[in-house]
């Protein structure tokens, strides 16, 4: 009887010790990882809304905006929208989109993605190279890149969602 129970007790003990060690490691690394992510997002916000001096996250617009809008940062120079978009990868993309006070795109930046690099790189080069800059809801022209249709379509959907969110914030439909 003892020979049947002992392996289970030993395995259970090992699992418990490993779980405790992982939780201790997580306790020390989670703040460092969160800080690095915040710094990356801050750098992206400054890139997509270059004149921004002070951006504050706001939750005032929850429920009225498209569900792909994950965060809204507001400042005197405009807004930065953090948008989740579906590309070719099931993990999707996270895109920061700056919209100035005139409702025009000030910049875009993909901050996280798991798209196929050789397919997605041309999309990111064009979009972050300024394709959308200056466009507004009336002049919006989606970018579709042959061979990267899902990625470019997802990116375009994210930009459109940000423009629609800006219109809602400013009192439109």
Protein backbone atom coordinates (compact mmCIF):
# COMPACT_ATOMS: atom_id res chain seq x y z
CA UNK A 1 0.00 0.00 0.00
CA UNK A 2 2.81 2.39 0.95
CA UNK A 3 4.55 1.78 -2.40
CA UNK A 4 1.40 2.90 -4.26
CA UNK A 5 0.84 6.12 -2.26
CA UNK A 6 4.45 7.29 -1.94
CA UNK A 7 5.00 8.27 -5.62
CA UNK A 8 1.86 10.42 -5.52
CA UNK A 9 2.98 12.16 -2.33
CA UNK A 10 6.47 12.82 -3.74
CA UNK A 11 5.07 14.14 -7.04
CA UNK A 12 2.56 16.33 -5.20
CA UNK A 13 5.33 17.75 -3.01
CA UNK A 14 7.50 18.52 -6.02
CA UNK A 15 4.58 20.29 -7.72
CA UNK A 16 3.91 22.34 -4.60
CA UNK A 17 7.56 23.44 -4.29
CA UNK A 18 7.74 24.36 -8.00
CA UNK A 19 4.48 26.32 -7.77
CA UNK A 20 5.79 28.25 -4.75
CA UNK A 21 9.07 29.02 -6.54
CA UNK A 22 7.22 30.23 -9.64
CA UNK A 23 5.02 32.52 -7.56
CA UNK A 24 8.08 34.03 -5.86
CA UNK A 25 9.78 34.60 -9.24
CA UNK A 26 6.57 36.17 -10.58
CA UNK A 27 6.37 38.45 -7.55
CA UNK A 28 9.78 39.91 -8.42
CA UNK A 29 9.52 39.97 -12.23
CA UNK A 30 5.91 41.13 -12.75
CA UNK A 31 6.58 44.77 -11.76
CA UNK A 32 9.70 44.89 -13.97
CA UNK A 33 7.77 43.49 -16.94
CA UNK A 34 4.87 45.89 -16.35
CA UNK A 35 7.25 48.85 -16.14
CA UNK A 36 8.96 47.84 -19.41
CA UNK A 37 5.57 47.55 -21.12
CA UNK A 38 4.52 50.96 -19.79
CA UNK A 39 7.76 52.52 -21.06
CA UNK A 40 7.23 50.92 -24.48
CA UNK A 41 3.66 52.24 -24.62
CA UNK A 42 4.76 55.71 -23.51
CA UNK A 43 7.41 55.81 -26.24
CA UNK A 44 4.81 54.72 -28.81
CA UNK A 45 2.36 57.40 -27.61
CA UNK A 46 5.00 60.09 -28.01
CA UNK A 47 5.71 58.75 -31.49
CA UNK A 48 2.08 58.75 -32.68
CA UNK A 49 1.21 62.12 -31.14
CA UNK A 50 4.57 63.91 -31.34
CA UNK A 51 3.52 67.22 -29.78
CA UNK A 52 1.90 65.58 -26.76
CA UNK A 53 3.17 66.90 -23.47
CA UNK A 54 0.81 65.19 -21.08
CA UNK A 55 -1.49 62.27 -21.80
CA UNK A 56 -3.80 60.78 -19.20
CA UNK A 57 -5.63 57.50 -19.53
CA UNK A 58 -9.37 57.97 -19.38
CA UNK A 59 -12.27 55.56 -18.98
CA UNK A 60 -14.97 58.16 -19.57
CA UNK A 61 -15.86 56.72 -22.95
CA UNK A 62 -16.24 53.05 -21.97
CA UNK A 63 -19.33 51.47 -23.46
CA UNK A 64 -19.72 54.01 -26.25
CA UNK A 65 -16.64 53.04 -28.25
CA UNK A 66 -15.94 50.01 -30.42
CA UNK A 67 -14.84 47.02 -28.36
CA UNK A 68 -11.50 46.95 -30.21
CA UNK A 69 -10.53 50.22 -28.44
CA UNK A 70 -8.66 49.00 -25.36
CA UNK A 71 -7.44 52.32 -23.92
CA UNK A 72 -7.94 56.01 -24.58
CA UNK A 73 -5.30 58.56 -23.59
CA UNK A 74 -6.33 62.20 -23.67
CA UNK A 75 -4.30 65.37 -23.68
CA UNK A 76 -4.50 68.96 -24.86
CA UNK A 77 -2.90 68.02 -28.20
CA UNK A 78 -5.31 65.18 -29.00
CA UNK A 79 -5.95 61.54 -28.25
CA UNK A 80 -4.06 58.28 -28.45
CA UNK A 81 -6.13 55.15 -28.95
CA UNK A 82 -4.75 51.71 -28.12
CA UNK A 83 -6.60 49.37 -30.46
CA UNK A 84 -6.62 45.60 -30.80
CA UNK A 85 -6.88 44.42 -34.38
CA UNK A 86 -7.18 41.00 -35.93
CA UNK A 87 -4.58 40.25 -38.57
CA UNK A 88 -3.50 36.94 -40.03
CA UNK A 89 -2.27 35.68 -36.65
CA UNK A 90 -4.88 34.58 -34.15
CA UNK A 91 -3.02 36.66 -31.53
CA UNK A 92 -3.79 39.81 -33.49
CA UNK A 93 -2.04 43.18 -33.18
CA UNK A 94 -2.00 46.06 -30.74
CA UNK A 95 -1.79 49.42 -32.48
CA UNK A 96 -1.38 52.92 -31.04
CA UNK A 97 -3.09 55.61 -33.11
CA UNK A 98 -2.66 59.33 -32.47
CA UNK A 99 -5.46 61.69 -33.48
CA UNK A 100 -4.86 65.43 -33.17
CA UNK A 101 -7.46 68.00 -32.06
CA UNK A 102 -8.51 68.52 -35.70
CA UNK A 103 -9.48 64.84 -36.00
CA UNK A 104 -6.56 63.97 -38.26
CA UNK A 105 -4.26 61.01 -37.82
CA UNK A 106 -0.97 62.21 -36.33
CA UNK A 107 0.74 58.80 -36.38
CA UNK A 108 0.34 55.06 -35.98
CA UNK A 109 2.54 52.40 -34.39
CA UNK A 110 2.10 48.66 -33.96
CA UNK A 111 3.34 47.86 -30.45
CA UNK A 112 2.65 44.12 -30.38
CA UNK A 113 1.99 41.51 -33.03
CA UNK A 114 2.65 37.93 -33.99
CA UNK A 115 2.14 38.38 -37.70
CA UNK A 116 4.37 36.60 -40.19
CA UNK A 117 7.35 39.00 -40.43
CA UNK A 118 7.98 38.78 -44.19
CA UNK A 119 4.29 39.48 -44.88
CA UNK A 120 3.68 42.11 -42.19
CA UNK A 121 6.85 44.17 -42.60
CA UNK A 122 5.66 45.94 -45.78
CA UNK A 123 2.42 46.88 -44.00
CA UNK A 124 4.24 48.31 -40.98
CA UNK A 125 6.74 50.16 -43.16
CA UNK A 126 3.95 51.89 -45.09
CA UNK A 127 1.62 52.61 -42.19
CA UNK A 128 4.26 53.74 -39.74
CA UNK A 129 6.07 55.54 -42.54
CA UNK A 130 3.19 57.98 -42.71
CA UNK A 131 0.50 56.46 -44.94
CA UNK A 132 -2.36 57.47 -42.62
CA UNK A 133 -0.93 60.79 -41.39
CA UNK A 134 -3.28 63.66 -42.15
CA UNK A 135 -6.27 61.45 -42.94
CA UNK A 136 -9.53 62.04 -41.11
CA UNK A 137 -12.92 60.34 -41.12
CA UNK A 138 -13.90 62.02 -44.41
CA UNK A 139 -10.63 61.29 -46.23
CA UNK A 140 -9.94 57.84 -44.78
CA UNK A 141 -8.34 55.58 -47.39
CA UNK A 142 -7.69 52.02 -46.13
CA UNK A 143 -4.36 50.47 -47.03
CA UNK A 144 -4.53 47.01 -48.54
CA UNK A 145 -1.22 45.30 -49.27
CA UNK A 146 -1.21 42.36 -51.65
CA UNK A 147 0.10 39.25 -49.91
CA UNK A 148 -0.67 40.73 -46.49
CA UNK A 149 -4.39 41.30 -46.89
CA UNK A 150 -5.36 40.22 -43.38
CA UNK A 151 -2.62 42.25 -41.70
CA UNK A 152 -3.24 45.41 -43.74
CA UNK A 153 -7.01 44.99 -43.39
CA UNK A 154 -6.71 44.63 -39.62
CA UNK A 155 -4.46 47.67 -39.40
CA UNK A 156 -6.92 49.70 -41.51
CA UNK A 157 -9.81 48.56 -39.29
CA UNK A 158 -7.90 49.73 -36.22
CA UNK A 159 -7.30 53.18 -37.74
CA UNK A 160 -10.97 53.43 -38.75
CA UNK A 161 -12.03 52.43 -35.21
CA UNK A 162 -9.84 55.20 -33.77
CA UNK A 163 -11.34 57.79 -36.15
CA UNK A 164 -14.86 56.62 -35.26
CA UNK A 165 -14.00 56.79 -31.54
CA UNK A 166 -12.71 60.34 -31.98
CA UNK A 167 -16.00 61.29 -33.67
CA UNK A 168 -17.99 59.82 -30.77
CA UNK A 169 -15.83 61.61 -28.21
CA UNK A 170 -16.32 64.91 -29.99
CA UNK A 171 -20.09 64.46 -30.00
CA UNK A 172 -20.69 62.79 -33.34
CA UNK A 173 -22.23 59.42 -34.07
